[in-house]
Amino acid sequence: MTAEGEVAGRAAENRVEIYDTTLRDGSQQVGLDLTVADKLRVATVLDGLGVDVIEGGWPGSNPKDAEFFARIKSMPLQNAQLAAFGATRLPRRGVDDDANLAALLEAETPIVTLVGKSWTLHVAEALRTTREENLAMVRESCAYMAAAGRRVVFDAEHFFDGYRADQGYALEVLAAAIEGGADTLALCDTNGGTLPDDVVTIMTSVGQRVAADCAAAGRAPVRIGGHFHNDSACAVANSLVSVAAGGLHVQGAANGYGERCGNADLFSVIAGLELKRGHELLPPGRLTALASTARTIADVANLPFEARQPYVGGSAFATKAGLHASAIARRPDAYSHIEPAAVGNQAQVLVSELAGRSNVLAKAAELGLDLDSGLAGRVLEQVKEAEHRGYAYEAADASFELLVRRSAGALPTWFELEGYRVVIERASGPGPGADRSEAIVRLRLGADRVVAVGEGVGPVHALDQALRRGLAEVYPALADIRLVDYKVRILDGRDATRAVTRVMLTSADHQGEWTTVGVSDDIVTASWEALADGVAYGLLRAGAAAIPDDQLAGVEERVSEAV
């Protein structure tokens, strides 16, 4: 089948193509630095989700992207096709003499995405060339790639700004790409300043003009689509309305990653088009992998996962208002715009000072705990009193579960704190390693007393090491539990060094993560509380039973020897 026939077949399907640019445009986000191994992992995850196109990077711009394209050749994709990104040829140079175009061909991807100027300001100021030469650059570069057997996606950079400045020239640029054999035209809102009503107007007009240009060139209609940035907080909305205006191609990045305010969040776009507009974008059944895919990519990128992220965030279907919880108990769909499970997420009822008894009962049921109304009321009062002192249970489910189990008399006592001492020593000399912290922890394990010493980088690390050392031989499950995050918040800075401090500590095992909270006017005390709760909850998850008194003989001696 000819390239024109393939385009006609795809257009007849009226199917929206999902094009991911996480590995190129998304990676320009401040603080996001993916290794080649990271990029390969992200590509695998996106392919598993079922996106249509994965833009791997710009092979002519840096060694990392060149290595990525070389290595991914041995990792065939199951659902997606790979695209290499680059620019049209340089001014006053032939396509055969352009290193960037040569690198695109060497990447051996089935799709090549070429970016070209469509705003006269950039033609004159960035390229420093004539309008006619820019049109030739677009036409010849697209033709060069099409002749080499590549499917060509043309990214019309700054198109919406260019269209407003000189509508006729912006359309000429698209016509040049069509003449050169481009398969898809992506209209780029590179500055992110276009609003949805303008997108609809411009996309509709452009669609009519492109259809006419294709007919004049003897070609079947090519796809048009959009590439939107979020500088006006409209990237997802613009992507959705671009499809409503006839677009059949949407570009975006995982979790909205990208420079400045980011790209369109591709996961929100996918969910919106599938669940709100009835488009079939992913392979059957893969939409339920959306939330796990978003979290996995955030982990690989080593960036915090935004709990408030639509559809996939941990708070996307959470409520802590008592009135809402009461309604949700009767109708789970009362406060959710979609079924959370459709995107692999779940509803949450949070417990806070705003909660009612329904919240506590619903949350306990979610945790598998059966509370009577009286106990739920007592737990609620404890929660409200604790949150008045600075605790935050909506973000610390593990501490809430421990509180409920403790109130119900259903929490084993794995260890009790008798006391601890922390010494921070400042050694002479500058630089890392000058400070040393030592913690001595005294614990009760049934009838026995255990003393353990730990050293670490700072007092909290030293306490963690001492606690683990004191419990390790009795509770081997601790070996699978690790600390993954530690946050400190000063609740009232006006009290200066006497201010109350809240510590949120996240722990993890091979099955997942949990968060515990501690509050005190002493940061070490708050940290210990969160740390001890984190260990206790980990032992609860692991099914570790409290050691009976008659099995504890010799524990102190073994620990002392270890110290």
Protein backbone atom coordinates (compact mmCIF):
# COMPACT_ATOMS: atom_id res chain seq x y z
CA MET A 1 0.00 0.00 0.00
CA THR A 2 1.27 3.49 -0.83
CA ALA A 3 1.82 6.10 1.85
CA GLU A 4 -1.25 7.95 0.53
CA GLY A 5 -3.29 4.76 0.81
CA GLU A 6 -2.20 4.22 4.38
CA VAL A 7 -3.20 7.77 5.27
CA ALA A 8 -6.58 7.32 3.63
CA GLY A 9 -7.11 4.10 5.56
CA ARG A 10 -6.28 5.72 8.88
CA ALA A 11 -8.44 8.77 8.14
CA ALA A 12 -11.36 6.53 7.23
CA GLU A 13 -11.08 4.92 10.65
CA ASN A 14 -11.72 8.35 12.23
CA ARG A 15 -9.52 7.20 15.10
CA VAL A 16 -7.60 9.65 17.25
CA GLU A 17 -3.88 8.89 17.39
CA ILE A 18 -2.14 9.26 20.75
CA TYR A 19 1.40 10.58 20.40
CA ASP A 20 3.59 10.65 23.51
CA THR A 21 6.47 13.11 23.77
CA THR A 22 7.60 12.42 27.35
CA LEU A 23 11.08 11.35 26.29
CA ARG A 24 11.71 14.50 24.27
CA ASP A 25 9.56 17.51 25.11
CA GLY A 26 8.60 16.18 28.55
CA SER A 27 12.22 15.68 29.53
CA GLN A 28 12.84 19.42 29.20
CA GLN A 29 11.13 19.91 32.57
CA VAL A 30 13.32 21.48 35.23
CA GLY A 31 14.53 18.74 37.58
CA LEU A 32 13.77 15.87 35.18
CA ASP A 33 16.91 14.07 34.06
CA LEU A 34 16.37 10.65 32.53
CA THR A 35 19.26 8.29 31.90
CA VAL A 36 19.22 6.08 28.82
CA ALA A 37 18.07 3.19 31.02
CA ASP A 38 15.29 5.40 32.38
CA LYS A 39 14.17 6.31 28.86
CA LEU A 40 14.07 2.67 27.84
CA ARG A 41 11.99 1.84 30.92
CA VAL A 42 9.54 4.67 30.23
CA ALA A 43 9.20 3.58 26.61
CA THR A 44 8.41 0.04 27.74
CA VAL A 45 5.76 1.26 30.17
CA LEU A 46 4.12 3.51 27.56
CA ASP A 47 4.14 0.70 25.04
CA GLY A 48 2.47 -1.53 27.60
CA LEU A 49 -0.23 1.11 28.12
CA GLY A 50 -0.87 1.05 24.40
CA VAL A 51 -0.11 4.55 23.08
CA ASP A 52 0.25 4.78 19.31
CA VAL A 53 3.51 6.70 18.97
CA ILE A 54 6.44 7.21 21.34
CA GLU A 55 8.75 10.08 20.45
CA GLY A 56 12.12 8.89 21.65
CA GLY A 57 14.13 12.09 21.40
CA TRP A 58 16.31 14.10 19.04
CA PRO A 59 19.09 11.78 17.82
CA GLY A 60 21.06 14.60 16.21
CA SER A 61 21.21 16.75 19.33
CA ASN A 62 23.04 14.72 22.00
CA PRO A 63 24.80 11.38 22.61
CA LYS A 64 22.17 10.20 25.10
CA ASP A 65 19.37 10.23 22.54
CA ALA A 66 21.61 8.62 19.93
CA GLU A 67 22.36 5.79 22.38
CA PHE A 68 18.66 5.41 23.20
CA PHE A 69 17.74 4.88 19.56
CA ALA A 70 20.60 2.42 19.11
CA ARG A 71 19.61 0.36 22.16
CA ILE A 72 15.85 0.32 21.63
CA LYS A 73 16.32 -1.46 18.30
CA SER A 74 16.82 -4.67 20.30
CA MET A 75 13.63 -4.05 22.30
CA PRO A 76 10.75 -4.40 19.83
CA LEU A 77 7.60 -2.56 20.85
CA GLN A 78 4.28 -4.42 21.00
CA ASN A 79 1.77 -1.60 20.57
CA ALA A 80 3.53 1.65 19.76
CA GLN A 81 5.65 2.90 16.90
CA LEU A 82 8.80 4.88 17.58
CA ALA A 83 9.37 8.40 16.29
CA ALA A 84 12.63 10.32 16.04
CA PHE A 85 12.40 14.11 16.33
CA GLY A 86 14.43 16.71 14.49
CA ALA A 87 14.28 20.00 12.61
CA THR A 88 13.93 20.80 8.94
CA ARG A 89 17.17 21.36 7.06
CA LEU A 90 19.24 24.42 7.83
CA PRO A 91 18.90 27.52 5.66
CA ARG A 92 21.04 27.61 2.52
CA ARG A 93 21.94 23.93 2.81
CA GLY A 94 20.77 20.88 0.87
CA VAL A 95 18.96 17.98 2.51
CA ASP A 96 21.83 15.66 1.53
CA ASP A 97 24.25 17.86 3.45
CA ASP A 98 22.33 18.22 6.72
CA ALA A 99 23.72 16.34 9.75
CA ASN A 100 20.41 16.52 11.61
CA LEU A 101 18.48 14.82 8.80
CA ALA A 102 21.23 12.20 8.48
CA ALA A 103 20.94 11.41 12.20
CA LEU A 104 17.16 11.01 11.86
CA LEU A 105 17.64 8.40 9.13
CA GLU A 106 20.33 6.61 11.16
CA ALA A 107 17.85 6.22 14.03
CA GLU A 108 15.87 3.89 11.71
CA THR A 109 12.50 4.71 13.22
CA PRO A 110 9.34 4.18 11.17
CA ILE A 111 8.19 7.71 11.99
CA VAL A 112 10.15 10.94 11.72
CA THR A 113 8.79 14.14 13.27
CA LEU A 114 10.10 17.33 11.72
CA VAL A 115 9.63 20.69 13.41
CA GLY A 116 9.45 23.77 11.23
CA LYS A 117 8.70 27.46 11.67
CA SER A 118 5.19 28.72 10.94
CA TRP A 119 5.45 32.18 12.56
CA THR A 120 7.01 34.91 10.48
CA LEU A 121 8.66 36.36 13.59
CA HIS A 122 10.70 33.18 14.03
CA VAL A 123 11.49 32.88 10.36
CA ALA A 124 13.06 36.33 10.42
CA GLU A 125 14.55 36.40 13.92
CA ALA A 126 15.37 32.77 14.82
CA LEU A 127 16.23 31.32 11.41
CA ARG A 128 17.37 34.66 9.92
CA THR A 129 16.18 33.64 6.51
CA THR A 130 13.48 34.53 4.02
CA ARG A 131 9.91 33.30 4.03
CA GLU A 132 10.47 31.56 0.68
CA GLU A 133 13.54 29.73 1.97
CA ASN A 134 11.63 28.54 5.04
CA LEU A 135 8.89 27.11 2.82
CA ALA A 136 11.55 25.31 0.79
CA MET A 137 13.13 23.94 3.97
CA VAL A 138 9.80 22.48 5.06
CA ARG A 139 8.89 21.06 1.65
CA GLU A 140 12.30 19.54 0.87
CA SER A 141 12.86 18.06 4.34
CA CYS A 142 9.45 16.34 4.37
CA ALA A 143 10.03 15.04 0.84
CA TYR A 144 13.49 13.73 1.78
CA MET A 145 12.12 11.70 4.69
CA ALA A 146 9.08 10.47 2.78
CA ALA A 147 11.31 9.33 -0.09
CA ALA A 148 13.35 7.33 2.45
CA GLY A 149 10.19 5.44 3.41
CA ARG A 150 9.50 7.25 6.66
CA ARG A 151 6.10 8.35 7.81
CA VAL A 152 6.45 12.11 8.33
CA VAL A 153 4.78 14.07 11.14
CA PHE A 154 5.23 17.82 10.69
CA ASP A 155 5.19 19.91 13.88
CA ALA A 156 4.22 23.45 12.92
CA GLU A 157 6.01 25.31 15.69
CA HIS A 158 4.29 28.40 17.16
CA PHE A 159 1.41 27.78 14.74
CA PHE A 160 -1.32 29.55 16.69
CA ASP A 161 0.83 32.65 17.23
CA GLY A 162 1.85 32.51 13.58
CA TYR A 163 -1.75 32.13 12.42
CA ARG A 164 -2.80 35.22 14.36
CA ALA A 165 0.17 37.23 13.04
CA ASP A 166 -0.06 36.17 9.39
CA GLN A 167 -2.76 33.65 8.64
CA GLY A 168 -1.84 33.32 4.97
CA TYR A 169 1.80 32.46 5.62
CA ALA A 170 1.03 29.96 8.41
CA LEU A 171 -1.25 28.11 5.98
CA GLU A 172 1.44 28.23 3.27
CA VAL A 173 3.79 26.41 5.66
CA LEU A 174 1.24 23.62 6.10
CA ALA A 175 0.75 23.45 2.33
CA ALA A 176 4.51 23.07 1.87
CA ALA A 177 4.55 20.15 4.30
CA ILE A 178 1.67 18.52 2.44
CA GLU A 179 3.46 18.97 -0.89
CA GLY A 180 6.53 17.34 0.64
CA GLY A 181 4.54 14.28 1.68
CA ALA A 182 3.89 14.88 5.36
CA ASP A 183 1.44 12.36 6.79
CA THR A 184 0.30 14.36 9.82
CA LEU A 185 0.24 18.07 10.65
CA ALA A 186 0.55 18.92 14.35
CA LEU A 187 -0.42 22.51 15.12
CA CYS A 188 1.76 23.53 18.05
CA ASP A 189 0.78 26.03 20.74
CA THR A 190 4.44 26.37 21.64
CA ASN A 191 4.00 29.35 23.95
CA GLY A 192 0.93 27.82 25.62
CA GLY A 193 -1.10 31.02 25.38
CA THR A 194 -4.05 29.93 23.21
CA LEU A 195 -7.49 29.47 24.76
CA PRO A 196 -10.00 26.73 23.87
CA ASP A 197 -12.44 28.87 21.86
CA ASP A 198 -9.59 30.07 19.64
CA VAL A 199 -8.38 26.49 19.20
CA VAL A 200 -11.82 25.43 17.94
CA THR A 201 -12.04 28.35 15.51
CA ILE A 202 -8.54 27.93 14.12
CA MET A 203 -8.59 24.11 13.97
CA THR A 204 -11.91 24.13 12.12
CA SER A 205 -10.67 26.68 9.58
CA VAL A 206 -7.34 24.90 9.12
CA GLY A 207 -9.09 21.56 8.63
CA GLN A 208 -11.10 22.98 5.75
CA ARG A 209 -8.03 24.55 4.16
CA VAL A 210 -5.92 21.41 4.55
CA ALA A 211 -8.60 19.29 2.92
CA ALA A 212 -8.59 21.68 -0.04
CA ASP A 213 -4.79 21.66 -0.26
CA CYS A 214 -4.72 17.86 -0.19
CA ALA A 215 -7.27 17.70 -2.98
CA ALA A 216 -5.22 20.17 -5.03
CA ALA A 217 -2.12 18.00 -4.51
CA GLY A 218 -4.03 14.85 -5.46
CA ARG A 219 -3.70 13.41 -1.98
CA ALA A 220 -6.16 11.93 0.46
CA PRO A 221 -6.76 14.21 3.47
CA VAL A 222 -3.90 14.10 5.98
CA ARG A 223 -4.35 14.08 9.72
CA ILE A 224 -4.27 17.31 11.63
CA GLY A 225 -3.72 17.42 15.36
CA GLY A 226 -2.53 19.51 18.25
CA HIS A 227 0.47 19.93 20.53
CA PHE A 228 -0.44 22.13 23.49
CA HIS A 229 1.51 23.59 26.38
CA ASN A 230 -0.04 24.48 29.73
CA ASP A 231 1.10 28.08 30.25
CA SER A 232 -2.53 29.24 30.35
CA ALA A 233 -3.71 26.11 32.24
CA CYS A 234 -5.60 25.00 29.12
CA ALA A 235 -3.40 22.29 27.61
CA VAL A 236 -5.76 19.39 28.35
CA ALA A 237 -8.86 21.41 27.45
CA ASN A 238 -7.23 22.54 24.20
CA SER A 239 -6.35 18.94 23.35
CA LEU A 240 -9.93 17.80 23.92
CA VAL A 241 -11.53 20.56 21.87
CA SER A 242 -8.99 20.09 19.09
CA VAL A 243 -10.44 16.63 18.60
CA ALA A 244 -13.96 18.01 18.71
CA ALA A 245 -12.88 20.40 15.94
CA GLY A 246 -11.77 17.53 13.72
CA GLY A 247 -8.28 16.69 14.96
CA LEU A 248 -7.22 13.06 14.73
CA HIS A 249 -3.83 13.35 16.43
CA VAL A 250 -3.04 14.51 19.99
CA GLN A 251 0.42 15.03 21.44
CA GLY A 252 1.23 15.20 25.15
CA ALA A 253 3.49 13.97 27.91
CA ALA A 254 3.08 11.63 30.86
CA ASN A 255 1.87 13.49 33.95
CA GLY A 256 2.03 16.76 32.02
CA TYR A 257 5.83 16.89 32.13
CA GLY A 258 7.56 19.56 30.08
CA GLU A 259 9.34 22.90 30.13
CA ARG A 260 7.84 25.92 31.90
CA CYS A 261 4.30 24.86 32.90
CA GLY A 262 4.45 21.56 31.07
CA ASN A 263 2.78 19.80 28.16
CA ALA A 264 -0.76 18.53 27.99
CA ASP A 265 -1.11 15.69 30.49
CA LEU A 266 -1.56 12.79 28.11
CA PHE A 267 -3.25 10.64 30.75
CA SER A 268 -5.99 13.21 31.34
CA VAL A 269 -6.41 13.57 27.59
CA ILE A 270 -6.75 9.82 27.10
CA ALA A 271 -9.23 9.43 29.94
CA GLY A 272 -11.27 12.41 28.80
CA LEU A 273 -11.52 11.24 25.20
CA GLU A 274 -12.29 7.63 26.07
CA LEU A 275 -14.68 8.14 28.98
CA LYS A 276 -16.28 11.46 28.08
CA ARG A 277 -16.32 11.35 24.28
CA GLY A 278 -16.41 7.64 23.47
CA HIS A 279 -13.19 7.45 21.46
CA GLU A 280 -11.29 4.16 21.47
CA LEU A 281 -7.66 5.12 21.93
CA LEU A 282 -5.96 2.32 23.86
CA PRO A 283 -6.18 -1.43 23.30
CA PRO A 284 -9.20 -3.03 25.01
CA GLY A 285 -8.83 -3.17 28.78
CA ARG A 286 -5.71 -1.00 28.95
CA LEU A 287 -7.42 2.14 30.29
CA THR A 288 -7.44 0.49 33.71
CA ALA A 289 -3.61 0.64 33.65
CA LEU A 290 -3.64 4.44 33.45
CA ALA A 291 -3.10 5.16 37.17
CA SER A 292 -0.35 2.57 37.64
CA THR A 293 1.40 3.82 34.48
CA ALA A 294 1.36 7.39 35.78
CA ARG A 295 2.86 6.36 39.12
CA THR A 296 5.48 4.12 37.54
CA ILE A 297 6.73 6.88 35.24
CA ALA A 298 6.87 9.32 38.16
CA ASP A 299 8.99 6.79 40.06
CA VAL A 300 11.34 6.33 37.11
CA ALA A 301 11.59 10.10 36.70
CA ASN A 302 12.30 10.41 40.45
CA LEU A 303 9.69 13.14 40.75
CA PRO A 304 6.92 13.44 43.35
CA PHE A 305 3.64 12.06 42.09
CA GLU A 306 0.99 14.76 42.30
CA ALA A 307 -1.86 13.46 44.46
CA ARG A 308 -4.29 15.99 42.93
CA GLN A 309 -3.61 14.88 39.37
CA PRO A 310 -6.96 14.28 37.63
CA TYR A 311 -8.06 10.69 37.07
CA VAL A 312 -4.86 9.02 38.30
CA GLY A 313 -3.81 10.91 41.47
CA GLY A 314 -4.27 9.47 44.93
CA SER A 315 -6.67 12.28 45.84
CA ALA A 316 -8.57 12.28 42.55
CA PHE A 317 -11.51 10.44 44.14
CA ALA A 318 -10.96 11.30 47.80
CA THR A 319 -13.31 13.08 50.16
CA LYS A 320 -13.04 14.10 53.78
CA ALA A 321 -16.25 16.10 54.27
CA GLY A 322 -18.63 14.25 56.58
CA LEU A 323 -21.70 15.09 54.49
CA HIS A 324 -20.05 13.66 51.37
CA ALA A 325 -18.96 10.49 53.15
CA SER A 326 -22.48 9.88 54.39
CA ALA A 327 -23.82 10.10 50.84
CA ILE A 328 -21.00 7.94 49.45
CA ALA A 329 -21.86 5.23 51.96
CA ARG A 330 -25.28 5.02 50.29
CA ARG A 331 -24.25 5.77 46.71
CA PRO A 332 -20.54 5.28 45.88
CA ASP A 333 -20.98 7.26 42.65
CA ALA A 334 -22.51 10.29 44.40
CA TYR A 335 -19.31 12.34 44.36
CA SER A 336 -17.28 10.82 41.49
CA HIS A 337 -17.52 12.02 37.90
CA ILE A 338 -16.43 8.56 36.66
CA GLU A 339 -16.02 5.11 38.15
CA PRO A 340 -12.47 5.29 39.62
CA ALA A 341 -11.75 1.67 38.69
CA ALA A 342 -12.14 2.60 35.01
CA VAL A 343 -8.69 4.21 35.13
CA GLY A 344 -7.21 1.86 37.74
CA ASN A 345 -7.81 4.21 40.65
CA GLN A 346 -10.00 3.93 43.72
CA ALA A 347 -12.22 6.12 45.86
CA GLN A 348 -10.95 7.15 49.27
CA VAL A 349 -12.72 8.45 52.33
CA LEU A 350 -10.29 10.54 54.36
CA VAL A 351 -10.45 11.20 58.05
CA SER A 352 -9.83 14.68 59.44
CA GLU A 353 -11.31 17.31 61.72
CA LEU A 354 -13.94 17.86 59.01
CA ALA A 355 -15.05 14.25 59.20
CA GLY A 356 -18.26 12.80 60.48
CA ARG A 357 -18.94 9.36 61.86
CA SER A 358 -19.64 8.15 58.32
CA ASN A 359 -16.06 8.96 57.33
CA VAL A 360 -14.65 6.88 60.15
CA LEU A 361 -16.97 3.95 59.44
CA ALA A 362 -16.26 4.11 55.71
CA LYS A 363 -12.52 4.39 56.20
CA ALA A 364 -12.49 1.55 58.70
CA ALA A 365 -14.46 -0.62 56.28
CA GLU A 366 -11.96 0.27 53.54
CA LEU A 367 -9.22 -1.01 55.86
CA GLY A 368 -11.17 -4.17 56.63
CA LEU A 369 -12.09 -3.09 60.16
CA ASP A 370 -15.63 -3.54 61.50
CA LEU A 371 -16.42 -0.77 63.99
CA ASP A 372 -19.59 -0.28 65.92
CA SER A 373 -21.08 3.21 66.05
CA GLY A 374 -19.86 3.86 69.60
CA LEU A 375 -16.26 3.02 68.84
CA ALA A 376 -16.43 5.06 65.62
CA GLY A 377 -17.55 8.05 67.67
CA ARG A 378 -14.66 7.66 70.10
CA VAL A 379 -12.17 7.35 67.25
CA LEU A 380 -13.63 10.46 65.63
CA GLU A 381 -13.16 12.46 68.82
CA GLN A 382 -9.55 11.28 69.07
CA VAL A 383 -8.96 12.30 65.46
CA LYS A 384 -10.43 15.75 65.93
CA GLU A 385 -8.43 16.34 69.10
CA ALA A 386 -5.22 15.11 67.46
CA GLU A 387 -5.70 17.22 64.34
CA HIS A 388 -6.28 20.24 66.54
CA ARG A 389 -2.75 19.62 67.83
CA GLY A 390 -1.38 19.39 64.29
CA TYR A 391 -1.81 15.80 63.12
CA ALA A 392 -3.00 15.16 59.56
CA TYR A 393 -4.53 11.72 59.08
CA GLU A 394 -5.85 12.27 55.56
CA ALA A 395 -2.25 12.01 54.37
CA ALA A 396 -1.24 9.34 56.88
CA ASP A 397 -3.53 6.35 56.44
CA ALA A 398 -1.14 4.05 58.27
CA SER A 399 -1.22 6.14 61.45
CA PHE A 400 -5.02 6.27 61.26
CA GLU A 401 -5.28 2.50 60.95
CA LEU A 402 -2.97 2.06 63.94
CA LEU A 403 -5.12 4.50 65.92
CA VAL A 404 -8.31 2.58 65.09
CA ARG A 405 -6.80 -0.81 65.84
CA ARG A 406 -5.34 0.50 69.09
CA SER A 407 -8.74 1.91 70.12
CA ALA A 408 -10.43 -1.38 69.27
CA GLY A 409 -7.83 -3.39 71.20
CA ALA A 410 -6.82 -5.13 67.98
CA LEU A 411 -3.22 -3.97 67.68
CA PRO A 412 -0.36 -6.25 68.75
CA THR A 413 2.42 -4.70 70.80
CA TRP A 414 5.63 -5.57 69.02
CA PHE A 415 7.81 -3.26 71.14
CA GLU A 416 7.56 -0.42 73.62
CA LEU A 417 9.88 2.54 73.93
CA GLU A 418 11.54 2.94 77.28
CA GLY A 419 13.66 5.87 76.14
CA TYR A 420 16.29 7.08 73.71
CA ARG A 421 19.23 9.43 73.64
CA VAL A 422 20.66 11.14 70.57
CA VAL A 423 24.12 12.70 70.41
CA ILE A 424 25.18 14.92 67.52
CA GLU A 425 28.92 15.41 67.25
CA ARG A 426 30.46 18.11 65.10
CA ALA A 427 33.91 17.04 64.01
CA SER A 428 36.54 19.51 62.96
CA GLY A 429 36.98 20.26 59.31
CA PRO A 430 34.59 21.32 56.56
CA GLY A 431 32.71 19.22 54.04
CA PRO A 432 30.56 16.07 54.06
CA GLY A 433 31.14 13.64 56.90
CA ALA A 434 31.99 16.31 59.42
CA ASP A 435 28.81 15.66 61.43
CA ARG A 436 28.09 12.36 63.14
CA SER A 437 24.92 11.32 64.98
CA GLU A 438 24.60 8.46 67.42
CA ALA A 439 21.37 7.16 68.92
CA ILE A 440 20.87 4.81 71.85
CA VAL A 441 17.40 3.26 71.99
CA ARG A 442 16.03 1.36 75.00
CA LEU A 443 13.12 -0.93 74.17
CA ARG A 444 10.86 -3.35 75.98
CA LEU A 445 10.03 -6.59 74.19
CA GLY A 446 7.68 -8.28 76.58
CA ALA A 447 9.60 -8.96 79.78
CA ASP A 448 12.99 -8.19 78.27
CA ARG A 449 14.84 -4.92 77.93
CA VAL A 450 16.83 -4.29 74.76
CA VAL A 451 19.44 -1.59 74.24
CA ALA A 452 20.70 -0.84 70.75
CA VAL A 453 23.02 1.75 69.26
CA GLY A 454 22.85 3.22 65.78
CA GLU A 455 24.92 5.71 63.85
CA GLY A 456 23.68 7.76 60.94
CA VAL A 457 23.62 10.92 58.92
CA GLY A 458 21.56 13.04 61.27
CA PRO A 459 19.55 12.08 64.35
CA VAL A 460 16.57 10.54 62.52
CA HIS A 461 18.78 8.24 60.48
CA ALA A 462 20.63 7.23 63.66
CA LEU A 463 17.32 6.48 65.45
CA ASP A 464 16.16 4.39 62.50
CA GLN A 465 19.38 2.39 62.53
CA ALA A 466 19.20 1.83 66.31
CA LEU A 467 15.54 0.73 66.19
CA ARG A 468 16.21 -1.68 63.36
CA ARG A 469 19.23 -3.12 65.15
CA GLY A 470 17.22 -3.59 68.33
CA LEU A 471 14.41 -5.46 66.55
CA ALA A 472 16.19 -7.21 63.69
CA GLU A 473 16.72 -10.62 65.27
CA VAL A 474 13.21 -10.81 66.67
CA TYR A 475 11.43 -9.45 63.60
CA PRO A 476 13.30 -10.44 60.41
CA ALA A 477 10.49 -8.91 58.31
CA LEU A 478 12.12 -5.53 59.01
CA ALA A 479 14.72 -6.34 56.38
CA ASP A 480 12.09 -5.72 53.68
CA ILE A 481 11.00 -2.33 55.06
CA ARG A 482 12.77 0.86 53.96
CA LEU A 483 12.28 4.60 54.31
CA VAL A 484 11.48 6.38 51.03
CA ASP A 485 10.43 9.91 52.03
CA TYR A 486 10.70 12.28 54.97
CA LYS A 487 8.89 15.62 55.13
CA VAL A 488 8.94 18.25 57.85
CA ARG A 489 6.47 21.10 58.21
CA ILE A 490 6.61 23.89 60.76
CA LEU A 491 2.98 24.48 61.72
CA ASP A 492 3.37 27.99 63.10
CA GLY A 493 6.59 29.70 62.18
CA ARG A 494 5.78 32.66 64.42
CA ASP A 495 6.80 30.52 67.40
CA ALA A 496 10.30 30.30 65.90
CA THR A 497 12.35 27.52 67.48
CA ARG A 498 9.45 26.60 69.81
CA ALA A 499 7.12 25.95 66.89
CA VAL A 500 5.17 22.71 66.62
CA THR A 501 6.62 20.43 63.94
CA ARG A 502 4.77 17.85 61.87
CA VAL A 503 6.77 14.99 60.36
CA MET A 504 5.36 12.84 57.55
CA LEU A 505 7.38 9.70 56.96
CA THR A 506 6.78 7.30 54.07
CA SER A 507 7.96 3.70 54.29
CA ALA A 508 7.74 0.91 51.74
CA ASP A 509 8.05 -2.81 51.25
CA HIS A 510 7.81 -4.93 48.12
CA GLN A 511 4.01 -4.49 48.05
CA GLY A 512 3.69 -0.72 48.31
CA GLU A 513 4.06 2.39 50.45
CA TRP A 514 2.47 3.82 53.59
CA THR A 515 2.73 7.11 55.46
CA THR A 516 2.82 7.86 59.18
CA VAL A 517 2.72 11.13 61.07
CA GLY A 518 4.30 12.51 64.22
CA VAL A 519 3.79 15.89 65.89
CA SER A 520 5.79 17.62 68.62
CA ASP A 521 7.50 20.87 69.45
CA ASP A 522 10.71 18.81 69.21
CA ILE A 523 11.57 17.62 65.71
CA VAL A 524 13.36 14.49 66.95
CA THR A 525 10.36 13.46 69.05
CA ALA A 526 8.00 14.00 66.11
CA SER A 527 10.33 12.01 63.90
CA TRP A 528 10.53 9.15 66.38
CA GLU A 529 6.75 8.92 66.58
CA ALA A 530 6.40 8.73 62.79
CA LEU A 531 9.32 6.30 62.59
CA ALA A 532 7.98 3.95 65.27
CA ASP A 533 4.50 3.97 63.69
CA GLY A 534 6.05 3.25 60.30
CA VAL A 535 7.88 0.21 61.65
CA ALA A 536 4.81 -0.99 63.52
CA TYR A 537 2.64 -0.70 60.43
CA GLY A 538 5.23 -2.54 58.36
CA LEU A 539 5.22 -5.39 60.86
CA LEU A 540 1.41 -5.40 60.74
CA ARG A 541 1.47 -5.65 56.92
CA ALA A 542 4.01 -8.45 57.15
CA GLY A 543 1.80 -10.39 59.58
CA ALA A 544 4.47 -10.40 62.27
CA ALA A 545 3.05 -11.57 65.58
CA ALA A 546 4.20 -10.06 68.85
CA ILE A 547 6.76 -12.39 70.43
CA PRO A 548 5.41 -14.16 73.55
CA ASP A 549 7.35 -13.56 76.76
CA ASP A 550 8.55 -17.15 76.98
CA GLN A 551 10.36 -16.81 73.63
CA LEU A 552 12.30 -13.66 74.50
CA ALA A 553 15.04 -15.14 76.68
CA GLY A 554 18.46 -14.02 75.53
CA VAL A 555 17.23 -11.27 73.19
CA GLU A 556 19.02 -8.55 75.14
CA GLU A 557 22.27 -10.43 75.09
CA ARG A 558 22.10 -11.10 71.33
CA VAL A 559 21.37 -7.48 70.58
CA SER A 560 24.12 -6.31 72.91
CA GLU A 561 26.59 -8.50 71.08
CA ALA A 562 25.44 -7.06 67.76
CA VAL A 563 26.00 -3.56 69.08
